[in-house]
Amino acid sequence: MLTKLIVRAKNAIWRLKQNKSGQTLVEYALILAFISVVAIVVLQALGTKVTQVFSTISSQIDKANSAS
């Protein structure tokens, strides 16, 4: 009886070691968080550049309209 219980416990522990789905989920969550942080930083940096480009375009259009 005791040996069957020990064997079942060993098998249960072995199955838990083989189950990597929880670990994989955590890894994907960390990767997603990292990508999100990088995307936010890049968008913030590009946001100012895009604003400058649109401001330049707008001023050039205003100059062209006033010259006509």
PDB file of N, CA and C in Angstrom:
ATOM      1  N   MET A   1       0.822  -1.194   0.000  1.00  0.00           N
ATOM      2  CA  MET A   1       0.000   0.000   0.000  1.00  0.00           C
ATOM      3  C   MET A   1       0.865   1.255   0.000  1.00  0.00           C
ATOM      4  N   LEU A   2       1.867   1.303   0.861  1.00  0.00           N
ATOM      5  CA  LEU A   2       2.736   2.465   0.960  1.00  0.00           C
ATOM      6  C   LEU A   2       3.556   2.645  -0.312  1.00  0.00           C
ATOM      7  N   THR A   3       3.993   1.531  -0.909  1.00  0.00           N
ATOM      8  CA  THR A   3       4.783   1.640  -2.132  1.00  0.00           C
ATOM      9  C   THR A   3       3.937   2.186  -3.283  1.00  0.00           C
ATOM     10  N   LYS A   4       2.658   1.809  -3.327  1.00  0.00           N
ATOM     11  CA  LYS A   4       1.781   2.346  -4.374  1.00  0.00           C
ATOM     12  C   LYS A   4       1.611   3.851  -4.203  1.00  0.00           C
ATOM     13  N   LEU A   5       1.500   4.285  -2.976  1.00  0.00           N
ATOM     14  CA  LEU A   5       1.351   5.709  -2.685  1.00  0.00           C
ATOM     15  C   LEU A   5       2.616   6.474  -3.088  1.00  0.00           C
ATOM     16  N   ILE A   6       3.782   5.903  -2.799  1.00  0.00           N
ATOM     17  CA  ILE A   6       5.051   6.535  -3.156  1.00  0.00           C
ATOM     18  C   ILE A   6       5.195   6.607  -4.676  1.00  0.00           C
ATOM     19  N   VAL A   7       4.831   5.521  -5.357  1.00  0.00           N
ATOM     20  CA  VAL A   7       4.922   5.486  -6.811  1.00  0.00           C
ATOM     21  C   VAL A   7       3.975   6.531  -7.412  1.00  0.00           C
ATOM     22  N   ARG A   8       2.769   6.633  -6.872  1.00  0.00           N
ATOM     23  CA  ARG A   8       1.814   7.630  -7.379  1.00  0.00           C
ATOM     24  C   ARG A   8       2.326   9.050  -7.143  1.00  0.00           C
ATOM     25  N   ALA A   9       2.945   9.279  -5.991  1.00  0.00           N
ATOM     26  CA  ALA A   9       3.498  10.602  -5.696  1.00  0.00           C
ATOM     27  C   ALA A   9       4.646  10.926  -6.649  1.00  0.00           C
ATOM     28  N   LYS A  10       5.514   9.961  -6.890  1.00  0.00           N
ATOM     29  CA  LYS A  10       6.614  10.172  -7.835  1.00  0.00           C
ATOM     30  C   LYS A  10       6.082  10.470  -9.230  1.00  0.00           C
ATOM     31  N   ASN A  11       5.064   9.723  -9.650  1.00  0.00           N
ATOM     32  CA  ASN A  11       4.481   9.963 -10.972  1.00  0.00           C
ATOM     33  C   ASN A  11       3.846  11.349 -11.056  1.00  0.00           C
ATOM     34  N   ALA A  12       3.187  11.768  -9.989  1.00  0.00           N
ATOM     35  CA  ALA A  12       2.568  13.096  -9.971  1.00  0.00           C
ATOM     36  C   ALA A  12       3.625  14.185 -10.057  1.00  0.00           C
ATOM     37  N   ILE A  13       4.702  14.029  -9.321  1.00  0.00           N
ATOM     38  CA  ILE A  13       5.795  15.005  -9.370  1.00  0.00           C
ATOM     39  C   ILE A  13       6.429  15.018 -10.745  1.00  0.00           C
ATOM     40  N   TRP A  14       6.605  13.868 -11.347  1.00  0.00           N
ATOM     41  CA  TRP A  14       7.194  13.788 -12.683  1.00  0.00           C
ATOM     42  C   TRP A  14       6.300  14.495 -13.699  1.00  0.00           C
ATOM     43  N   ARG A  15       4.968  14.294 -13.589  1.00  0.00           N
ATOM     44  CA  ARG A  15       4.040  14.961 -14.504  1.00  0.00           C
ATOM     45  C   ARG A  15       4.101  16.471 -14.328  1.00  0.00           C
ATOM     46  N   LEU A  16       4.228  16.934 -13.092  1.00  0.00           N
ATOM     47  CA  LEU A  16       4.327  18.363 -12.857  1.00  0.00           C
ATOM     48  C   LEU A  16       5.600  18.947 -13.464  1.00  0.00           C
ATOM     49  N   LYS A  17       6.689  18.181 -13.381  1.00  0.00           N
ATOM     50  CA  LYS A  17       7.945  18.643 -13.973  1.00  0.00           C
ATOM     51  C   LYS A  17       7.835  18.708 -15.492  1.00  0.00           C
ATOM     52  N   GLN A  18       7.089  17.807 -16.081  1.00  0.00           N
ATOM     53  CA  GLN A  18       6.950  17.747 -17.531  1.00  0.00           C
ATOM     54  C   GLN A  18       5.993  18.812 -18.062  1.00  0.00           C
ATOM     55  N   ASN A  19       5.092  19.302 -17.211  1.00  0.00           N
ATOM     56  CA  ASN A  19       4.110  20.294 -17.629  1.00  0.00           C
ATOM     57  C   ASN A  19       4.771  21.669 -17.648  1.00  0.00           C
ATOM     58  N   LYS A  20       5.000  22.194 -18.836  1.00  0.00           N
ATOM     59  CA  LYS A  20       5.698  23.468 -18.986  1.00  0.00           C
ATOM     60  C   LYS A  20       4.750  24.598 -19.379  1.00  0.00           C
ATOM     61  N   SER A  21       3.442  24.341 -19.425  1.00  0.00           N
ATOM     62  CA  SER A  21       2.516  25.354 -19.928  1.00  0.00           C
ATOM     63  C   SER A  21       2.482  26.595 -19.041  1.00  0.00           C
ATOM     64  N   GLY A  22       2.524  26.447 -17.736  1.00  0.00           N
ATOM     65  CA  GLY A  22       2.535  27.607 -16.847  1.00  0.00           C
ATOM     66  C   GLY A  22       3.804  28.418 -17.001  1.00  0.00           C
ATOM     67  N   GLN A  23       4.906  27.747 -17.115  1.00  0.00           N
ATOM     68  CA  GLN A  23       6.192  28.423 -17.306  1.00  0.00           C
ATOM     69  C   GLN A  23       6.206  29.160 -18.637  1.00  0.00           C
ATOM     70  N   THR A  24       5.685  28.540 -19.675  1.00  0.00           N
ATOM     71  CA  THR A  24       5.648  29.162 -20.985  1.00  0.00           C
ATOM     72  C   THR A  24       4.760  30.397 -20.967  1.00  0.00           C
ATOM     73  N   LEU A  25       3.637  30.315 -20.275  1.00  0.00           N
ATOM     74  CA  LEU A  25       2.728  31.455 -20.175  1.00  0.00           C
ATOM     75  C   LEU A  25       3.411  32.639 -19.507  1.00  0.00           C
ATOM     76  N   VAL A  26       4.157  32.380 -18.458  1.00  0.00           N
ATOM     77  CA  VAL A  26       4.878  33.450 -17.764  1.00  0.00           C
ATOM     78  C   VAL A  26       5.940  34.049 -18.677  1.00  0.00           C
ATOM     79  N   GLU A  27       6.649  33.215 -19.412  1.00  0.00           N
ATOM     80  CA  GLU A  27       7.670  33.710 -20.329  1.00  0.00           C
ATOM     81  C   GLU A  27       7.046  34.592 -21.407  1.00  0.00           C
ATOM     82  N   TYR A  28       5.929  34.163 -21.969  1.00  0.00           N
ATOM     83  CA  TYR A  28       5.254  34.980 -22.977  1.00  0.00           C
ATOM     84  C   TYR A  28       4.773  36.301 -22.387  1.00  0.00           C
ATOM     85  N   ALA A  29       4.290  36.281 -21.165  1.00  0.00           N
ATOM     86  CA  ALA A  29       3.835  37.508 -20.514  1.00  0.00           C
ATOM     87  C   ALA A  29       5.005  38.472 -20.313  1.00  0.00           C
ATOM     88  N   LEU A  30       6.148  37.965 -19.917  1.00  0.00           N
ATOM     89  CA  LEU A  30       7.327  38.818 -19.744  1.00  0.00           C
ATOM     90  C   LEU A  30       7.795  39.401 -21.077  1.00  0.00           C
ATOM     91  N   ILE A  31       7.783  38.586 -22.113  1.00  0.00           N
ATOM     92  CA  ILE A  31       8.175  39.068 -23.439  1.00  0.00           C
ATOM     93  C   ILE A  31       7.203  40.146 -23.909  1.00  0.00           C
ATOM     94  N   LEU A  32       5.910  39.927 -23.703  1.00  0.00           N
ATOM     95  CA  LEU A  32       4.909  40.912 -24.103  1.00  0.00           C
ATOM     96  C   LEU A  32       5.078  42.216 -23.334  1.00  0.00           C
ATOM     97  N   ALA A  33       5.379  42.122 -22.056  1.00  0.00           N
ATOM     98  CA  ALA A  33       5.597  43.329 -21.249  1.00  0.00           C
ATOM     99  C   ALA A  33       6.830  44.084 -21.755  1.00  0.00           C
ATOM    100  N   PHE A  34       7.888  43.378 -22.065  1.00  0.00           N
ATOM    101  CA  PHE A  34       9.103  44.013 -22.577  1.00  0.00           C
ATOM    102  C   PHE A  34       8.842  44.707 -23.908  1.00  0.00           C
ATOM    103  N   ILE A  35       8.137  44.016 -24.806  1.00  0.00           N
ATOM    104  CA  ILE A  35       7.825  44.604 -26.112  1.00  0.00           C
ATOM    105  C   ILE A  35       6.946  45.839 -25.936  1.00  0.00           C
ATOM    106  N   SER A  36       6.019  45.790 -25.005  1.00  0.00           N
ATOM    107  CA  SER A  36       5.152  46.946 -24.754  1.00  0.00           C
ATOM    108  C   SER A  36       5.950  48.148 -24.271  1.00  0.00           C
ATOM    109  N   VAL A  37       6.867  47.912 -23.356  1.00  0.00           N
ATOM    110  CA  VAL A  37       7.688  49.010 -22.837  1.00  0.00           C
ATOM    111  C   VAL A  37       8.540  49.605 -23.958  1.00  0.00           C
ATOM    112  N   VAL A  38       9.140  48.765 -24.767  1.00  0.00           N
ATOM    113  CA  VAL A  38       9.959  49.247 -25.881  1.00  0.00           C
ATOM    114  C   VAL A  38       9.097  50.025 -26.873  1.00  0.00           C
ATOM    115  N   ALA A  39       7.913  49.522 -27.167  1.00  0.00           N
ATOM    116  CA  ALA A  39       7.029  50.214 -28.111  1.00  0.00           C
ATOM    117  C   ALA A  39       6.623  51.585 -27.574  1.00  0.00           C
ATOM    118  N   ILE A  40       6.326  51.675 -26.298  1.00  0.00           N
ATOM    119  CA  ILE A  40       5.953  52.963 -25.700  1.00  0.00           C
ATOM    120  C   ILE A  40       7.107  53.952 -25.797  1.00  0.00           C
ATOM    121  N   VAL A  41       8.309  53.501 -25.487  1.00  0.00           N
ATOM    122  CA  VAL A  41       9.480  54.393 -25.545  1.00  0.00           C
ATOM    123  C   VAL A  41       9.722  54.858 -26.980  1.00  0.00           C
ATOM    124  N   VAL A  42       9.647  53.940 -27.930  1.00  0.00           N
ATOM    125  CA  VAL A  42       9.875  54.289 -29.333  1.00  0.00           C
ATOM    126  C   VAL A  42       8.799  55.254 -29.826  1.00  0.00           C
ATOM    127  N   LEU A  43       7.545  54.988 -29.481  1.00  0.00           N
ATOM    128  CA  LEU A  43       6.468  55.875 -29.925  1.00  0.00           C
ATOM    129  C   LEU A  43       6.591  57.266 -29.312  1.00  0.00           C
ATOM    130  N   GLN A  44       7.030  57.334 -28.077  1.00  0.00           N
ATOM    131  CA  GLN A  44       7.233  58.648 -27.468  1.00  0.00           C
ATOM    132  C   GLN A  44       8.351  59.406 -28.178  1.00  0.00           C
ATOM    133  N   ALA A  45       9.411  58.710 -28.508  1.00  0.00           N
ATOM    134  CA  ALA A  45      10.530  59.358 -29.204  1.00  0.00           C
ATOM    135  C   ALA A  45      10.109  59.776 -30.612  1.00  0.00           C
ATOM    136  N   LEU A  46       9.383  58.924 -31.295  1.00  0.00           N
ATOM    137  CA  LEU A  46       8.945  59.249 -32.653  1.00  0.00           C
ATOM    138  C   LEU A  46       7.837  60.291 -32.654  1.00  0.00           C
ATOM    139  N   GLY A  47       7.068  60.339 -31.592  1.00  0.00           N
ATOM    140  CA  GLY A  47       5.961  61.283 -31.524  1.00  0.00           C
ATOM    141  C   GLY A  47       6.411  62.715 -31.674  1.00  0.00           C
ATOM    142  N   THR A  48       7.502  63.066 -31.028  1.00  0.00           N
ATOM    143  CA  THR A  48       8.004  64.436 -31.152  1.00  0.00           C
ATOM    144  C   THR A  48       8.524  64.698 -32.558  1.00  0.00           C
ATOM    145  N   LYS A  49       9.149  63.713 -33.150  1.00  0.00           N
ATOM    146  CA  LYS A  49       9.659  63.883 -34.525  1.00  0.00           C
ATOM    147  C   LYS A  49       8.497  64.041 -35.507  1.00  0.00           C
ATOM    148  N   VAL A  50       7.467  63.246 -35.339  1.00  0.00           N
ATOM    149  CA  VAL A  50       6.305  63.331 -36.225  1.00  0.00           C
ATOM    150  C   VAL A  50       5.632  64.685 -36.067  1.00  0.00           C
ATOM    151  N   THR A  51       5.527  65.166 -34.837  1.00  0.00           N
ATOM    152  CA  THR A  51       4.945  66.487 -34.597  1.00  0.00           C
ATOM    153  C   THR A  51       5.762  67.565 -35.301  1.00  0.00           C
ATOM    154  N   GLN A  52       7.065  67.466 -35.246  1.00  0.00           N
ATOM    155  CA  GLN A  52       7.923  68.440 -35.930  1.00  0.00           C
ATOM    156  C   GLN A  52       7.727  68.393 -37.446  1.00  0.00           C
ATOM    157  N   VAL A  53       7.621  67.201 -37.989  1.00  0.00           N
ATOM    158  CA  VAL A  53       7.439  67.056 -39.437  1.00  0.00           C
ATOM    159  C   VAL A  53       6.113  67.688 -39.862  1.00  0.00           C
ATOM    160  N   PHE A  54       5.037  67.390 -39.120  1.00  0.00           N
ATOM    161  CA  PHE A  54       3.745  67.963 -39.480  1.00  0.00           C
ATOM    162  C   PHE A  54       3.730  69.475 -39.294  1.00  0.00           C
ATOM    163  N   SER A  55       4.440  69.970 -38.298  1.00  0.00           N
ATOM    164  CA  SER A  55       4.522  71.422 -38.119  1.00  0.00           C
ATOM    165  C   SER A  55       5.246  72.070 -39.292  1.00  0.00           C
ATOM    166  N   THR A  56       6.326  71.452 -39.747  1.00  0.00           N
ATOM    167  CA  THR A  56       7.064  71.961 -40.897  1.00  0.00           C
ATOM    168  C   THR A  56       6.200  71.946 -42.149  1.00  0.00           C
ATOM    169  N   ILE A  57       5.500  70.846 -42.367  1.00  0.00           N
ATOM    170  CA  ILE A  57       4.616  70.746 -43.535  1.00  0.00           C
ATOM    171  C   ILE A  57       3.534  71.821 -43.476  1.00  0.00           C
ATOM    172  N   SER A  58       2.942  71.983 -42.301  1.00  0.00           N
ATOM    173  CA  SER A  58       1.882  72.978 -42.142  1.00  0.00           C
ATOM    174  C   SER A  58       2.390  74.393 -42.412  1.00  0.00           C
ATOM    175  N   SER A  59       3.565  74.712 -41.908  1.00  0.00           N
ATOM    176  CA  SER A  59       4.116  76.049 -42.137  1.00  0.00           C
ATOM    177  C   SER A  59       4.466  76.265 -43.606  1.00  0.00           C
ATOM    178  N   GLN A  60       4.958  75.241 -44.269  1.00  0.00           N
ATOM    179  CA  GLN A  60       5.273  75.342 -45.703  1.00  0.00           C
ATOM    180  C   GLN A  60       4.006  75.535 -46.518  1.00  0.00           C
ATOM    181  N   ILE A  61       2.941  74.848 -46.141  1.00  0.00           N
ATOM    182  CA  ILE A  61       1.662  75.008 -46.850  1.00  0.00           C
ATOM    183  C   ILE A  61       1.130  76.418 -46.627  1.00  0.00           C
ATOM    184  N   ASP A  62       1.238  76.926 -45.398  1.00  0.00           N
ATOM    185  CA  ASP A  62       0.798  78.294 -45.102  1.00  0.00           C
ATOM    186  C   ASP A  62       1.597  79.308 -45.918  1.00  0.00           C
ATOM    187  N   LYS A  63       2.904  79.100 -46.033  1.00  0.00           N
ATOM    188  CA  LYS A  63       3.746  80.000 -46.829  1.00  0.00           C
ATOM    189  C   LYS A  63       3.339  79.950 -48.289  1.00  0.00           C
ATOM    190  N   ALA A  64       3.063  78.752 -48.797  1.00  0.00           N
ATOM    191  CA  ALA A  64       2.676  78.603 -50.204  1.00  0.00           C
ATOM    192  C   ALA A  64       1.324  79.264 -50.452  1.00  0.00           C
ATOM    193  N   ASN A  65       0.400  79.140 -49.532  1.00  0.00           N
ATOM    194  CA  ASN A  65      -0.921  79.760 -49.691  1.00  0.00           C
ATOM    195  C   ASN A  65      -0.833  81.288 -49.630  1.00  0.00           C
ATOM    196  N   SER A  66       0.014  81.794 -48.749  1.00  0.00           N
ATOM    197  CA  SER A  66       0.127  83.242 -48.635  1.00  0.00           C
ATOM    198  C   SER A  66       0.874  83.850 -49.827  1.00  0.00           C
ATOM    199  N   ALA A  67       1.743  83.071 -50.464  1.00  0.00           N
ATOM    200  CA  ALA A  67       2.493  83.571 -51.612  1.00  0.00           C
ATOM    201  C   ALA A  67       1.612  83.614 -52.858  1.00  0.00           C
ATOM    202  N   SER A  68       0.558  82.806 -52.907  1.00  0.00           N
ATOM    203  CA  SER A  68      -0.276  82.778 -54.117  1.00  0.00           C
ATOM    204  C   SER A  68      -1.208  83.925 -54.205  1.00  0.00           C
TER     205      SER A  68
END
